Amino acid sequence: MRRFDEFSHNIIDSHIHVGWYDNFYFSAQEILNIVSKLKISKCFISSMSGWKKGTEFASNELLNVTKSNPHIFYPLLWVNPLEEYVYEITAKLAKKTFHGLKIHPNADGYHAS
């Protein structure tokens, strides 16, 4: 079996988190160290901070993280489709600030179906 670090093609991680989760903070530098070690070339990244600190905080956190390494980090914005700000998100995506949306039914208290 080949080791993970022996792959010669681009590896893209579609689900990485940065930010606050309970009392732990996952920094951009920690994420960058991990993806570099594993030779991951691109990551779609979302902020866990939105759950506790709000969408605006998480949005700014992601933009700061991706500015530092725009060729590696591609931000996904966590949204709750039941909130009014969803319309505002469309405008941000139209400006290509974010590369996609992430929804989290369990954390936001709704059923996905």
C-alpha atoms as a PDB file:
ATOM      1  CA  MET A   1       0.000   0.000   0.000  1.00  0.00           C
ATOM      2  CA  ARG A   2       1.297   3.462  -0.920  1.00  0.00           C
ATOM      3  CA  ARG A   3       1.937   5.989   1.783  1.00  0.00           C
ATOM      4  CA  PHE A   4      -0.161   9.153   1.662  1.00  0.00           C
ATOM      5  CA  ASP A   5       2.891  11.336   1.051  1.00  0.00           C
ATOM      6  CA  GLU A   6       3.937   9.332  -2.038  1.00  0.00           C
ATOM      7  CA  PHE A   7       1.104  10.612  -4.226  1.00  0.00           C
ATOM      8  CA  SER A   8       2.460  12.740  -7.036  1.00  0.00           C
ATOM      9  CA  HIS A   9      -0.788  14.378  -8.121  1.00  0.00           C
ATOM     10  CA  ASN A  10      -2.601  17.316  -6.570  1.00  0.00           C
ATOM     11  CA  ILE A  11      -4.535  16.492  -3.432  1.00  0.00           C
ATOM     12  CA  ILE A  12      -7.499  18.710  -2.602  1.00  0.00           C
ATOM     13  CA  ASP A  13      -9.138  18.605   0.828  1.00  0.00           C
ATOM     14  CA  SER A  14     -12.776  19.641   0.583  1.00  0.00           C
ATOM     15  CA  HIS A  15     -13.499  19.972   4.293  1.00  0.00           C
ATOM     16  CA  ILE A  16     -11.082  21.792   6.622  1.00  0.00           C
ATOM     17  CA  HIS A  17     -11.984  23.995   9.573  1.00  0.00           C
ATOM     18  CA  VAL A  18     -10.295  27.003  11.082  1.00  0.00           C
ATOM     19  CA  GLY A  19     -11.387  28.942  14.142  1.00  0.00           C
ATOM     20  CA  TRP A  20     -12.945  28.365  17.537  1.00  0.00           C
ATOM     21  CA  TYR A  21     -14.453  25.084  18.633  1.00  0.00           C
ATOM     22  CA  ASP A  22     -15.407  25.091  22.308  1.00  0.00           C
ATOM     23  CA  ASN A  23     -12.224  26.299  24.044  1.00  0.00           C
ATOM     24  CA  PHE A  24      -9.817  25.367  21.246  1.00  0.00           C
ATOM     25  CA  TYR A  25      -8.648  27.577  18.418  1.00  0.00           C
ATOM     26  CA  PHE A  26      -7.416  26.049  15.160  1.00  0.00           C
ATOM     27  CA  SER A  27      -5.203  28.681  13.549  1.00  0.00           C
ATOM     28  CA  ALA A  28      -4.409  29.160   9.885  1.00  0.00           C
ATOM     29  CA  GLN A  29      -0.754  28.400  10.646  1.00  0.00           C
ATOM     30  CA  GLU A  30      -1.650  25.054  12.249  1.00  0.00           C
ATOM     31  CA  ILE A  31      -3.773  24.149   9.238  1.00  0.00           C
ATOM     32  CA  LEU A  32      -1.020  25.257   6.861  1.00  0.00           C
ATOM     33  CA  ASN A  33       1.534  23.098   8.715  1.00  0.00           C
ATOM     34  CA  ILE A  34      -0.714  20.049   8.424  1.00  0.00           C
ATOM     35  CA  VAL A  35      -1.576  20.497   4.744  1.00  0.00           C
ATOM     36  CA  SER A  36       2.095  21.136   3.915  1.00  0.00           C
ATOM     37  CA  LYS A  37       3.181  17.987   5.737  1.00  0.00           C
ATOM     38  CA  LEU A  38       0.545  15.936   3.904  1.00  0.00           C
ATOM     39  CA  LYS A  39       1.310  17.636   0.578  1.00  0.00           C
ATOM     40  CA  ILE A  40      -2.248  18.862   0.158  1.00  0.00           C
ATOM     41  CA  SER A  41      -2.224  21.462  -2.585  1.00  0.00           C
ATOM     42  CA  LYS A  42      -5.626  23.105  -2.047  1.00  0.00           C
ATOM     43  CA  CYS A  43      -8.257  23.176   0.698  1.00  0.00           C
ATOM     44  CA  PHE A  44     -11.801  24.340   0.911  1.00  0.00           C
ATOM     45  CA  ILE A  45     -11.934  25.832   4.378  1.00  0.00           C
ATOM     46  CA  SER A  46     -14.744  26.987   6.636  1.00  0.00           C
ATOM     47  CA  SER A  47     -14.794  28.642  10.028  1.00  0.00           C
ATOM     48  CA  MET A  48     -16.121  26.909  13.103  1.00  0.00           C
ATOM     49  CA  SER A  49     -16.210  30.296  14.848  1.00  0.00           C
ATOM     50  CA  GLY A  50     -19.526  31.175  13.208  1.00  0.00           C
ATOM     51  CA  TRP A  51     -21.356  28.803  15.498  1.00  0.00           C
ATOM     52  CA  LYS A  52     -20.393  30.706  18.653  1.00  0.00           C
ATOM     53  CA  LYS A  53     -19.209  34.107  17.428  1.00  0.00           C
ATOM     54  CA  GLY A  54     -21.548  34.751  14.509  1.00  0.00           C
ATOM     55  CA  THR A  55     -21.419  34.837  10.736  1.00  0.00           C
ATOM     56  CA  GLU A  56     -19.718  38.218  10.452  1.00  0.00           C
ATOM     57  CA  PHE A  57     -16.822  37.141  12.699  1.00  0.00           C
ATOM     58  CA  ALA A  58     -16.446  33.856  10.805  1.00  0.00           C
ATOM     59  CA  SER A  59     -16.621  35.616   7.451  1.00  0.00           C
ATOM     60  CA  ASN A  60     -13.830  38.037   8.397  1.00  0.00           C
ATOM     61  CA  GLU A  61     -11.770  35.219   9.882  1.00  0.00           C
ATOM     62  CA  LEU A  62     -11.964  33.275   6.626  1.00  0.00           C
ATOM     63  CA  LEU A  63     -11.075  36.269   4.501  1.00  0.00           C
ATOM     64  CA  ASN A  64      -7.990  36.937   6.644  1.00  0.00           C
ATOM     65  CA  VAL A  65      -6.916  33.295   6.474  1.00  0.00           C
ATOM     66  CA  THR A  66      -7.331  33.067   2.718  1.00  0.00           C
ATOM     67  CA  LYS A  67      -5.519  36.363   2.079  1.00  0.00           C
ATOM     68  CA  SER A  68      -2.417  34.872   3.675  1.00  0.00           C
ATOM     69  CA  ASN A  69      -2.414  31.856   1.320  1.00  0.00           C
ATOM     70  CA  PRO A  70      -4.885  32.412  -1.531  1.00  0.00           C
ATOM     71  CA  HIS A  71      -3.358  29.657  -3.664  1.00  0.00           C
ATOM     72  CA  ILE A  72      -4.034  27.052  -0.938  1.00  0.00           C
ATOM     73  CA  PHE A  73      -7.130  28.166   1.019  1.00  0.00           C
ATOM     74  CA  TYR A  74     -10.509  28.565  -0.710  1.00  0.00           C
ATOM     75  CA  PRO A  75     -13.179  29.820   1.699  1.00  0.00           C
ATOM     76  CA  LEU A  76     -16.608  28.272   2.177  1.00  0.00           C
ATOM     77  CA  LEU A  77     -19.127  30.299   4.121  1.00  0.00           C
ATOM     78  CA  TRP A  78     -21.237  28.537   6.742  1.00  0.00           C
ATOM     79  CA  VAL A  79     -24.801  29.782   6.442  1.00  0.00           C
ATOM     80  CA  ASN A  80     -28.104  29.019   8.054  1.00  0.00           C
ATOM     81  CA  PRO A  81     -30.729  29.122   5.283  1.00  0.00           C
ATOM     82  CA  LEU A  82     -33.374  30.107   7.841  1.00  0.00           C
ATOM     83  CA  GLU A  83     -31.651  33.414   8.634  1.00  0.00           C
ATOM     84  CA  GLU A  84     -32.320  36.657   6.759  1.00  0.00           C
ATOM     85  CA  TYR A  85     -28.644  37.232   5.912  1.00  0.00           C
ATOM     86  CA  VAL A  86     -28.739  34.447   3.294  1.00  0.00           C
ATOM     87  CA  TYR A  87     -29.568  37.084   0.672  1.00  0.00           C
ATOM     88  CA  GLU A  88     -26.461  39.037   1.675  1.00  0.00           C
ATOM     89  CA  ILE A  89     -24.389  35.902   1.133  1.00  0.00           C
ATOM     90  CA  THR A  90     -25.431  35.734  -2.505  1.00  0.00           C
ATOM     91  CA  ALA A  91     -23.859  39.154  -3.046  1.00  0.00           C
ATOM     92  CA  LYS A  92     -20.587  38.036  -1.434  1.00  0.00           C
ATOM     93  CA  LEU A  93     -20.459  34.947  -3.616  1.00  0.00           C
ATOM     94  CA  ALA A  94     -21.181  37.061  -6.680  1.00  0.00           C
ATOM     95  CA  LYS A  95     -18.055  39.082  -5.841  1.00  0.00           C
ATOM     96  CA  LYS A  96     -16.148  35.785  -5.685  1.00  0.00           C
ATOM     97  CA  THR A  97     -15.204  36.411  -2.084  1.00  0.00           C
ATOM     98  CA  PHE A  98     -16.251  32.873  -1.206  1.00  0.00           C
ATOM     99  CA  HIS A  99     -16.062  29.745  -3.314  1.00  0.00           C
ATOM    100  CA  GLY A 100     -19.139  28.064  -1.927  1.00  0.00           C
ATOM    101  CA  LEU A 101     -21.516  27.574   0.966  1.00  0.00           C
ATOM    102  CA  LYS A 102     -21.571  25.143   3.857  1.00  0.00           C
ATOM    103  CA  ILE A 103     -24.755  24.322   5.696  1.00  0.00           C
ATOM    104  CA  HIS A 104     -24.947  22.529   9.026  1.00  0.00           C
ATOM    105  CA  PRO A 105     -28.515  21.444   9.839  1.00  0.00           C
ATOM    106  CA  ASN A 106     -27.692  19.861  13.206  1.00  0.00           C
ATOM    107  CA  ALA A 107     -25.820  22.880  14.572  1.00  0.00           C
ATOM    108  CA  ASP A 108     -28.377  25.364  13.237  1.00  0.00           C
ATOM    109  CA  GLY A 109     -31.416  23.432  14.415  1.00  0.00           C
ATOM    110  CA  TYR A 110     -33.242  22.419  11.247  1.00  0.00           C
ATOM    111  CA  HIS A 111     -33.760  19.254   9.209  1.00  0.00           C
ATOM    112  CA  ALA A 112     -31.944  18.950   5.892  1.00  0.00           C
ATOM    113  CA  SER A 113     -34.881  17.262   4.171  1.00  0.00           C
END
